[in-house]
Every structure is written in C-alpha cells, then in structure tokens.
Amino acid sequence: MHIDESHSEFFWRKYQTNDLFVFSDIQNFPNDKALQKILFHIIDDMLWEKKQIVFIADQTPSELKQFNNKLLELLNNCILIKSIS
C-alpha cells in the first residue's frame, strides 16, 4: 500500500469514522512518509475520541528506527503485547 498526497485526505476521512482501526505489518512501511503522516493523524484522533486501535507488527516501536518521531511517540505510549508462537 502506498498513499500519495492526493489520496491521503480520502484515506484519512474513510477511517476516522470507524470505532476500531486495525493495521497489520506496520514495519513494512518505513519509507512511506505520506502513510506515516496519515497514521499519526488517525491514531491521534482515535485516541482523543477514546476509540480502539490495534497495530500488528514483527517489531516493537523502538525497533522502527526509520519511522516519523511523532508516530513512534504515539506507538511507544500504547500497550504492547508480545505474541508467543
């Protein structure tokens, strides 16, 4: 998935009306700055409105070195659950 600037508003509006946001494999998008910006706004808005957010990843937020600092700050303030396979 790649979201360019022309589609970012549509993507953001589409997901801001949901009560639950689930995003899988966030670690696969380290260089997609437009997507990271949208994710930051979705997370920020959903946290403000006390909605549910689930991120599924193979790495912890501290391991996502190439991500936007604001996005990492939000992710680091979340509850982390490690899956045991």
Protein backbone atom coordinates (compact mmCIF):
# COMPACT_ATOMS: atom_id res chain seq x y z
CA MET A 1 0.00 0.00 0.00
CA HIS A 2 1.27 3.42 -0.88
CA ILE A 3 -0.77 6.55 -0.24
CA ASP A 4 0.26 9.63 -2.16
CA GLU A 5 -0.69 13.15 -1.09
CA SER A 6 -3.64 13.35 -3.49
CA HIS A 7 -5.33 10.34 -1.85
CA SER A 8 -4.34 10.97 1.76
CA GLU A 9 -7.41 13.07 2.60
CA PHE A 10 -9.74 10.38 1.26
CA PHE A 11 -7.92 7.65 3.20
CA TRP A 12 -7.95 9.65 6.43
CA ARG A 13 -11.66 10.57 6.20
CA LYS A 14 -12.63 7.00 5.37
CA TYR A 15 -11.05 5.62 8.54
CA GLN A 16 -11.80 8.39 11.01
CA THR A 17 -15.47 7.37 11.19
CA ASN A 18 -14.67 3.86 12.50
CA ASP A 19 -14.63 2.82 16.16
CA LEU A 20 -11.83 0.31 15.57
CA PHE A 21 -8.71 0.67 13.44
CA VAL A 22 -6.53 -2.39 12.74
CA PHE A 23 -3.27 -2.10 10.84
CA SER A 24 -1.03 -5.09 10.18
CA ASP A 25 2.68 -5.23 9.37
CA ILE A 26 3.49 -1.58 10.01
CA GLN A 27 7.20 -2.47 9.89
CA ASN A 28 6.88 -2.93 6.11
CA PHE A 29 6.31 0.80 5.51
CA PRO A 30 9.41 2.57 6.89
CA ASN A 31 9.87 4.93 3.93
CA ASP A 32 6.26 5.83 3.19
CA LYS A 33 6.14 9.29 4.75
CA ALA A 34 2.63 10.08 3.48
CA LEU A 35 1.24 6.91 5.07
CA GLN A 36 3.05 7.63 8.35
CA LYS A 37 1.57 11.13 8.42
CA ILE A 38 -1.93 9.75 7.88
CA LEU A 39 -1.42 7.06 10.53
CA PHE A 40 -0.29 9.69 13.01
CA HIS A 41 -3.46 11.71 12.48
CA ILE A 42 -5.71 8.64 12.63
CA ILE A 43 -4.09 7.46 15.87
CA ASP A 44 -4.14 10.91 17.42
CA ASP A 45 -7.80 11.47 16.55
CA MET A 46 -8.89 8.00 17.64
CA LEU A 47 -7.05 8.26 20.97
CA TRP A 48 -8.65 11.64 21.59
CA GLU A 49 -12.08 10.11 20.91
CA LYS A 50 -11.25 7.04 23.07
CA LYS A 51 -11.59 4.61 20.17
CA GLN A 52 -9.73 1.32 19.73
CA ILE A 53 -6.52 0.92 17.71
CA VAL A 54 -4.63 -2.30 17.01
CA PHE A 55 -1.24 -2.44 15.31
CA ILE A 56 0.23 -5.81 14.47
CA ALA A 57 3.96 -5.92 13.82
CA ASP A 58 7.03 -8.12 13.95
CA GLN A 59 8.92 -5.32 15.69
CA THR A 60 8.41 -3.13 18.73
CA PRO A 61 8.07 0.64 18.24
CA SER A 62 11.66 1.11 19.45
CA GLU A 63 12.85 -1.11 16.57
CA LEU A 64 11.08 1.00 13.92
CA LYS A 65 14.03 3.37 13.55
CA GLN A 66 13.09 4.88 10.17
CA PHE A 67 9.62 5.99 11.25
CA ASN A 68 8.46 9.52 11.98
CA ASN A 69 9.28 10.53 15.58
CA LYS A 70 5.74 11.75 16.28
CA LEU A 71 4.28 8.42 15.14
CA LEU A 72 6.81 6.48 17.23
CA GLU A 73 5.99 8.58 20.27
CA LEU A 74 2.31 7.66 19.95
CA LEU A 75 3.11 3.98 19.42
CA ASN A 76 5.50 3.92 22.39
CA ASN A 77 2.70 5.15 24.65
CA CYS A 78 0.50 2.19 23.78
CA ILE A 79 0.10 -1.16 25.46
CA LEU A 80 2.43 -3.69 23.85
CA ILE A 81 1.56 -7.36 23.79
CA LYS A 82 4.07 -9.93 22.57
CA SER A 83 2.70 -12.92 20.75
CA ILE A 84 4.12 -16.29 21.67
CA SER A 85 4.11 -18.60 18.69
